[in-house]
Amino acid sequence: MSAHCQLTGARPVFGNKISHSHRRTTRRFDPNIQNKRYWLPGEGRNVRLRLSARAIKTVDAIGIEAAVARVRARGESV
């Protein structure tokens, strides 16, 4: 499964690793993806989300109900 966030849509980005001799090779910057379980009181069940660390802070700020609404608006299943 690809490393992407269900809430923000953060995906890996690519760049260069530069050695001491300044040779460049490609590398991949992955988002900090965590599996997180939340209680969804509106549906009376737990939901599991794959979220980046930044998205976990967003859920804390806006609430799980609003976050799940955003995830569903993006077309992801919850």
N, C-alpha and C. Protein backbone atom coordinates (compact mmCIF):
# COMPACT_ATOMS: atom_id res chain seq x y z
N MET A 1 0.84 -1.17 0.00
CA MET A 1 0.00 0.00 0.00
C MET A 1 0.89 1.24 0.00
N SER A 2 0.51 2.22 -0.81
CA SER A 2 1.32 3.41 -0.90
C SER A 2 1.20 4.24 0.36
N ALA A 3 2.24 4.98 0.65
CA ALA A 3 2.25 5.83 1.84
C ALA A 3 1.54 7.12 1.52
N HIS A 4 0.22 7.18 1.78
CA HIS A 4 -0.50 8.42 1.59
C HIS A 4 -1.49 8.62 2.72
N CYS A 5 -1.78 9.89 2.97
CA CYS A 5 -2.67 10.27 4.08
C CYS A 5 -4.09 10.35 3.56
N GLN A 6 -5.03 9.76 4.29
CA GLN A 6 -6.42 9.78 3.86
C GLN A 6 -7.06 11.15 4.03
N LEU A 7 -6.58 11.97 4.91
CA LEU A 7 -7.20 13.27 5.17
C LEU A 7 -6.60 14.36 4.30
N THR A 8 -5.29 14.50 4.31
CA THR A 8 -4.65 15.59 3.57
C THR A 8 -4.21 15.19 2.18
N GLY A 9 -4.11 13.89 1.92
CA GLY A 9 -3.65 13.44 0.61
C GLY A 9 -2.16 13.52 0.43
N ALA A 10 -1.41 13.68 1.52
CA ALA A 10 0.05 13.78 1.44
C ALA A 10 0.61 12.47 0.87
N ARG A 11 1.46 12.59 -0.14
CA ARG A 11 2.07 11.44 -0.80
C ARG A 11 3.58 11.61 -0.81
N PRO A 12 4.31 10.55 -1.13
CA PRO A 12 5.76 10.70 -1.22
C PRO A 12 6.16 11.69 -2.31
N VAL A 13 7.22 12.42 -2.05
CA VAL A 13 7.82 13.31 -3.05
C VAL A 13 9.24 12.83 -3.30
N PHE A 14 9.78 13.19 -4.43
CA PHE A 14 11.09 12.70 -4.82
C PHE A 14 12.05 13.85 -4.95
N GLY A 15 13.31 13.55 -4.62
CA GLY A 15 14.35 14.56 -4.70
C GLY A 15 15.69 13.88 -4.88
N ASN A 16 16.75 14.61 -4.57
CA ASN A 16 18.10 14.09 -4.74
C ASN A 16 18.79 13.94 -3.40
N LYS A 17 19.53 12.84 -3.27
CA LYS A 17 20.44 12.67 -2.16
C LYS A 17 21.79 13.15 -2.67
N ILE A 18 22.43 14.04 -1.94
CA ILE A 18 23.69 14.59 -2.41
C ILE A 18 24.79 14.14 -1.47
N SER A 19 25.75 13.42 -2.00
CA SER A 19 26.84 12.88 -1.19
C SER A 19 27.88 13.96 -0.90
N HIS A 20 28.88 13.57 -0.14
CA HIS A 20 29.95 14.50 0.20
C HIS A 20 30.67 14.98 -1.06
N SER A 21 30.82 14.09 -2.04
CA SER A 21 31.49 14.47 -3.29
C SER A 21 30.54 15.16 -4.27
N HIS A 22 29.32 15.41 -3.82
CA HIS A 22 28.29 16.13 -4.55
C HIS A 22 27.72 15.33 -5.72
N ARG A 23 27.81 14.01 -5.66
CA ARG A 23 27.12 13.16 -6.64
C ARG A 23 25.66 13.08 -6.23
N ARG A 24 24.78 13.07 -7.21
CA ARG A 24 23.35 13.08 -6.92
C ARG A 24 22.71 11.76 -7.31
N THR A 25 21.95 11.21 -6.37
CA THR A 25 21.14 10.03 -6.66
C THR A 25 19.73 10.33 -6.16
N THR A 26 18.74 9.74 -6.81
CA THR A 26 17.37 10.05 -6.43
C THR A 26 17.00 9.37 -5.13
N ARG A 27 16.14 10.01 -4.38
CA ARG A 27 15.65 9.46 -3.13
C ARG A 27 14.18 9.82 -2.99
N ARG A 28 13.54 9.25 -1.98
CA ARG A 28 12.11 9.42 -1.78
C ARG A 28 11.87 9.94 -0.37
N PHE A 29 11.07 11.01 -0.27
CA PHE A 29 10.70 11.57 1.02
C PHE A 29 9.29 11.10 1.33
N ASP A 30 9.14 10.21 2.31
CA ASP A 30 7.83 9.67 2.68
C ASP A 30 7.20 10.53 3.77
N PRO A 31 5.87 10.71 3.72
CA PRO A 31 5.20 11.39 4.83
C PRO A 31 5.17 10.48 6.06
N ASN A 32 5.03 11.08 7.22
CA ASN A 32 5.02 10.34 8.48
C ASN A 32 3.62 9.77 8.70
N ILE A 33 3.35 8.58 8.12
CA ILE A 33 2.03 7.97 8.15
C ILE A 33 1.89 7.09 9.40
N GLN A 34 0.78 7.30 10.11
CA GLN A 34 0.46 6.52 11.30
C GLN A 34 -0.93 5.93 11.14
N ASN A 35 -1.13 4.72 11.65
CA ASN A 35 -2.46 4.12 11.71
C ASN A 35 -3.10 4.57 13.02
N LYS A 36 -4.28 5.18 12.93
CA LYS A 36 -4.92 5.75 14.12
C LYS A 36 -6.37 5.30 14.15
N ARG A 37 -6.84 4.95 15.33
CA ARG A 37 -8.22 4.52 15.51
C ARG A 37 -8.96 5.57 16.32
N TYR A 38 -10.13 5.97 15.82
CA TYR A 38 -10.95 6.98 16.49
C TYR A 38 -12.34 6.42 16.72
N TRP A 39 -12.99 6.87 17.79
CA TRP A 39 -14.39 6.53 18.05
C TRP A 39 -15.25 7.56 17.32
N LEU A 40 -16.16 7.08 16.48
CA LEU A 40 -17.05 7.94 15.72
C LEU A 40 -18.43 7.89 16.38
N PRO A 41 -18.76 8.88 17.23
CA PRO A 41 -20.00 8.80 18.00
C PRO A 41 -21.25 8.86 17.13
N GLY A 42 -21.20 9.52 15.99
CA GLY A 42 -22.38 9.63 15.13
C GLY A 42 -22.81 8.29 14.56
N GLU A 43 -21.84 7.39 14.35
CA GLU A 43 -22.15 6.07 13.81
C GLU A 43 -22.05 4.97 14.85
N GLY A 44 -21.57 5.30 16.04
CA GLY A 44 -21.45 4.33 17.12
C GLY A 44 -20.43 3.24 16.84
N ARG A 45 -19.33 3.59 16.19
CA ARG A 45 -18.30 2.59 15.87
C ARG A 45 -16.93 3.25 15.80
N ASN A 46 -15.91 2.41 15.78
CA ASN A 46 -14.54 2.88 15.61
C ASN A 46 -14.21 2.94 14.13
N VAL A 47 -13.36 3.90 13.77
CA VAL A 47 -12.85 3.97 12.40
C VAL A 47 -11.33 3.97 12.47
N ARG A 48 -10.72 3.28 11.52
CA ARG A 48 -9.26 3.27 11.39
C ARG A 48 -8.88 4.14 10.22
N LEU A 49 -7.95 5.06 10.47
CA LEU A 49 -7.50 5.97 9.42
C LEU A 49 -5.99 5.90 9.32
N ARG A 50 -5.49 6.05 8.10
CA ARG A 50 -4.05 6.17 7.86
C ARG A 50 -3.77 7.66 7.68
N LEU A 51 -3.19 8.27 8.72
CA LEU A 51 -3.03 9.72 8.75
C LEU A 51 -1.57 10.10 8.91
N SER A 52 -1.21 11.25 8.35
CA SER A 52 0.11 11.81 8.60
C SER A 52 0.09 12.46 9.98
N ALA A 53 1.25 12.74 10.51
CA ALA A 53 1.33 13.37 11.84
C ALA A 53 0.65 14.73 11.82
N ARG A 54 0.76 15.46 10.73
CA ARG A 54 0.11 16.76 10.62
C ARG A 54 -1.41 16.60 10.60
N ALA A 55 -1.91 15.56 9.95
CA ALA A 55 -3.35 15.33 9.87
C ALA A 55 -3.93 14.93 11.24
N ILE A 56 -3.14 14.24 12.05
CA ILE A 56 -3.60 13.89 13.41
C ILE A 56 -3.85 15.17 14.20
N LYS A 57 -2.98 16.16 14.04
CA LYS A 57 -3.18 17.44 14.72
C LYS A 57 -4.40 18.17 14.17
N THR A 58 -4.66 18.00 12.87
CA THR A 58 -5.84 18.61 12.26
C THR A 58 -7.11 17.99 12.83
N VAL A 59 -7.12 16.66 13.00
CA VAL A 59 -8.28 15.98 13.58
C VAL A 59 -8.50 16.48 15.01
N ASP A 60 -7.44 16.69 15.77
CA ASP A 60 -7.58 17.21 17.13
C ASP A 60 -8.21 18.61 17.12
N ALA A 61 -7.92 19.39 16.08
CA ALA A 61 -8.43 20.77 16.02
C ALA A 61 -9.87 20.83 15.53
N ILE A 62 -10.21 20.06 14.48
CA ILE A 62 -11.55 20.20 13.88
C ILE A 62 -12.54 19.16 14.35
N GLY A 63 -12.06 18.09 14.97
CA GLY A 63 -12.95 17.03 15.44
C GLY A 63 -13.04 15.89 14.45
N ILE A 64 -13.36 14.70 14.95
CA ILE A 64 -13.36 13.50 14.12
C ILE A 64 -14.52 13.50 13.13
N GLU A 65 -15.68 14.05 13.52
CA GLU A 65 -16.83 14.06 12.60
C GLU A 65 -16.52 14.88 11.35
N ALA A 66 -15.95 16.06 11.52
CA ALA A 66 -15.60 16.91 10.38
C ALA A 66 -14.48 16.28 9.55
N ALA A 67 -13.54 15.62 10.23
CA ALA A 67 -12.43 14.98 9.52
C ALA A 67 -12.93 13.83 8.66
N VAL A 68 -13.84 13.01 9.19
CA VAL A 68 -14.39 11.90 8.42
C VAL A 68 -15.19 12.43 7.24
N ALA A 69 -15.88 13.55 7.42
CA ALA A 69 -16.61 14.17 6.30
C ALA A 69 -15.65 14.59 5.20
N ARG A 70 -14.49 15.13 5.58
CA ARG A 70 -13.49 15.53 4.57
C ARG A 70 -12.91 14.31 3.86
N VAL A 71 -12.66 13.23 4.62
CA VAL A 71 -12.13 12.01 4.01
C VAL A 71 -13.13 11.46 3.00
N ARG A 72 -14.39 11.44 3.36
CA ARG A 72 -15.43 10.94 2.44
C ARG A 72 -15.58 11.85 1.23
N ALA A 73 -15.39 13.16 1.42
CA ALA A 73 -15.49 14.09 0.30
C ALA A 73 -14.37 13.86 -0.71
N ARG A 74 -13.23 13.36 -0.24
CA ARG A 74 -12.12 13.04 -1.14
C ARG A 74 -12.34 11.73 -1.88
N GLY A 75 -13.38 10.98 -1.48
CA GLY A 75 -13.67 9.72 -2.16
C GLY A 75 -13.07 8.50 -1.50
N GLU A 76 -12.49 8.66 -0.32
CA GLU A 76 -11.91 7.53 0.40
C GLU A 76 -13.00 6.84 1.20
N SER A 77 -12.86 5.54 1.37
CA SER A 77 -13.82 4.82 2.19
C SER A 77 -13.36 4.80 3.64
N VAL A 78 -14.30 4.86 4.56
CA VAL A 78 -14.00 4.89 5.99
C VAL A 78 -14.65 3.69 6.65
